C-alpha cells in the first residue's frame, strides 16, 4: 500500500477532521482513508478524457480492416 504526505494543511482543518472521525468512532487516519477513497473514482467526463489521451498516444492504423484481422485470427486458430 502507498503512503501520501500532505503538507501545509491548516490546523483548523485537521481539528475538524479529527472531530468528524471521533463522532464516527474512527481514527483520523481511517477517516482520511475513507474520504480519499470516496473521492477517487473517475467521473464519466474524466474517463472520456483519459480515453482520448490514450487514443492520442496510439499510432494511427489508417485503412486497417479489423474484420479481416478477426477472420485471419479465427482461421489461424482453426488450422492449428
C-alpha atoms as a PDB file:
ATOM      1  CA  UNK A   1       0.000   0.000   0.000  1.00  0.00           C
ATOM      2  CA  UNK A   2       1.142   3.503  -0.757  1.00  0.00           C
ATOM      3  CA  UNK A   3       1.533   6.469   1.526  1.00  0.00           C
ATOM      4  CA  UNK A   4       0.794  10.155   0.995  1.00  0.00           C
ATOM      5  CA  UNK A   5       2.134  13.091   2.974  1.00  0.00           C
ATOM      6  CA  UNK A   6       0.046  16.271   2.847  1.00  0.00           C
ATOM      7  CA  UNK A   7       1.992  19.366   3.862  1.00  0.00           C
ATOM      8  CA  UNK A   8       0.764  22.786   4.954  1.00  0.00           C
ATOM      9  CA  UNK A   9      -2.710  21.661   5.946  1.00  0.00           C
ATOM     10  CA  UNK A  10      -4.482  24.247   8.090  1.00  0.00           C
ATOM     11  CA  UNK A  11      -4.652  23.244  11.766  1.00  0.00           C
ATOM     12  CA  UNK A  12      -8.362  24.055  11.826  1.00  0.00           C
ATOM     13  CA  UNK A  13      -8.984  21.584   9.005  1.00  0.00           C
ATOM     14  CA  UNK A  14      -7.118  18.889  10.909  1.00  0.00           C
ATOM     15  CA  UNK A  15      -9.160  19.557  14.043  1.00  0.00           C
ATOM     16  CA  UNK A  16     -12.438  19.363  12.116  1.00  0.00           C
ATOM     17  CA  UNK A  17     -11.364  16.084  10.554  1.00  0.00           C
ATOM     18  CA  UNK A  18     -10.415  14.717  13.975  1.00  0.00           C
ATOM     19  CA  UNK A  19     -13.842  15.710  15.280  1.00  0.00           C
ATOM     20  CA  UNK A  20     -15.581  14.009  12.348  1.00  0.00           C
ATOM     21  CA  UNK A  21     -13.525  10.867  12.959  1.00  0.00           C
ATOM     22  CA  UNK A  22     -14.300  10.851  16.682  1.00  0.00           C
ATOM     23  CA  UNK A  23     -18.033  11.236  16.011  1.00  0.00           C
ATOM     24  CA  UNK A  24     -17.864   8.135  13.803  1.00  0.00           C
ATOM     25  CA  UNK A  25     -15.692   6.232  16.253  1.00  0.00           C
ATOM     26  CA  UNK A  26     -12.786   6.174  13.807  1.00  0.00           C
ATOM     27  CA  UNK A  27      -9.172   7.217  13.908  1.00  0.00           C
ATOM     28  CA  UNK A  28      -8.151  10.308  11.969  1.00  0.00           C
ATOM     29  CA  UNK A  29      -6.164   8.046   9.660  1.00  0.00           C
ATOM     30  CA  UNK A  30      -9.204   5.877   8.866  1.00  0.00           C
ATOM     31  CA  UNK A  31     -11.395   8.936   8.329  1.00  0.00           C
ATOM     32  CA  UNK A  32      -8.857  10.309   5.855  1.00  0.00           C
ATOM     33  CA  UNK A  33      -8.670   6.910   4.093  1.00  0.00           C
ATOM     34  CA  UNK A  34     -12.448   6.884   3.742  1.00  0.00           C
ATOM     35  CA  UNK A  35     -12.560  10.460   2.422  1.00  0.00           C
ATOM     36  CA  UNK A  36      -9.827   9.827  -0.144  1.00  0.00           C
ATOM     37  CA  UNK A  37     -11.350   6.528  -1.256  1.00  0.00           C
ATOM     38  CA  UNK A  38     -14.726   8.202  -1.801  1.00  0.00           C
ATOM     39  CA  UNK A  39     -13.068  10.986  -3.820  1.00  0.00           C
ATOM     40  CA  UNK A  40     -11.003   8.650  -6.027  1.00  0.00           C
ATOM     41  CA  UNK A  41     -13.438   7.282  -8.673  1.00  0.00           C
ATOM     42  CA  UNK A  42     -13.202   8.902 -12.096  1.00  0.00           C
ATOM     43  CA  UNK A  43     -16.249  10.763 -13.359  1.00  0.00           C
ATOM     44  CA  UNK A  44     -17.652   9.906 -16.802  1.00  0.00           C
ATOM     45  CA  UNK A  45     -16.049  13.069 -18.210  1.00  0.00           C
ATOM     46  CA  UNK A  46     -12.678  12.102 -16.706  1.00  0.00           C
ATOM     47  CA  UNK A  47     -12.970   8.615 -18.215  1.00  0.00           C
ATOM     48  CA  UNK A  48     -13.639  10.135 -21.640  1.00  0.00           C
ATOM     49  CA  UNK A  49     -10.664  12.487 -21.248  1.00  0.00           C
ATOM     50  CA  UNK A  50      -8.420   9.568 -20.265  1.00  0.00           C
ATOM     51  CA  UNK A  51      -9.656   7.516 -23.229  1.00  0.00           C
ATOM     52  CA  UNK A  52      -8.916  10.387 -25.603  1.00  0.00           C
ATOM     53  CA  UNK A  53      -5.454  10.856 -24.151  1.00  0.00           C
ATOM     54  CA  UNK A  54      -4.677   7.146 -24.565  1.00  0.00           C
ATOM     55  CA  UNK A  55      -6.040   7.139 -28.098  1.00  0.00           C
ATOM     56  CA  UNK A  56      -3.830  10.128 -28.968  1.00  0.00           C
ATOM     57  CA  UNK A  57      -0.785   8.125 -27.817  1.00  0.00           C
ATOM     58  CA  UNK A  58      -1.660   5.166 -30.050  1.00  0.00           C
ATOM     59  CA  UNK A  59      -0.387   5.051 -33.613  1.00  0.00           C
ATOM     60  CA  UNK A  60      -2.988   5.583 -36.298  1.00  0.00           C
ATOM     61  CA  UNK A  61      -3.855   2.397 -38.169  1.00  0.00           C
ATOM     62  CA  UNK A  62      -5.160   4.029 -41.343  1.00  0.00           C
ATOM     63  CA  UNK A  63      -7.144   1.669 -43.578  1.00  0.00           C
ATOM     64  CA  UNK A  64      -6.784  -1.321 -41.271  1.00  0.00           C
ATOM     65  CA  UNK A  65      -9.597  -3.841 -41.838  1.00  0.00           C
ATOM     66  CA  UNK A  66     -10.474  -5.136 -38.388  1.00  0.00           C
ATOM     67  CA  UNK A  67     -12.930  -7.657 -39.828  1.00  0.00           C
ATOM     68  CA  UNK A  68     -10.207  -9.218 -41.963  1.00  0.00           C
ATOM     69  CA  UNK A  69      -7.883  -9.382 -38.969  1.00  0.00           C
ATOM     70  CA  UNK A  70     -10.523 -11.151 -36.883  1.00  0.00           C
ATOM     71  CA  UNK A  71     -11.214 -13.625 -39.694  1.00  0.00           C
ATOM     72  CA  UNK A  72      -7.489 -14.274 -40.110  1.00  0.00           C
ATOM     73  CA  UNK A  73      -7.152 -14.901 -36.389  1.00  0.00           C
ATOM     74  CA  UNK A  74     -10.037 -17.354 -36.461  1.00  0.00           C
ATOM     75  CA  UNK A  75      -8.557 -19.117 -39.469  1.00  0.00           C
ATOM     76  CA  UNK A  76      -5.201 -19.424 -37.685  1.00  0.00           C
ATOM     77  CA  UNK A  77      -6.892 -20.952 -34.625  1.00  0.00           C
ATOM     78  CA  UNK A  78      -8.797 -23.464 -36.767  1.00  0.00           C
ATOM     79  CA  UNK A  79      -5.660 -24.542 -38.643  1.00  0.00           C
ATOM     80  CA  UNK A  80      -3.636 -25.367 -35.517  1.00  0.00           C
END
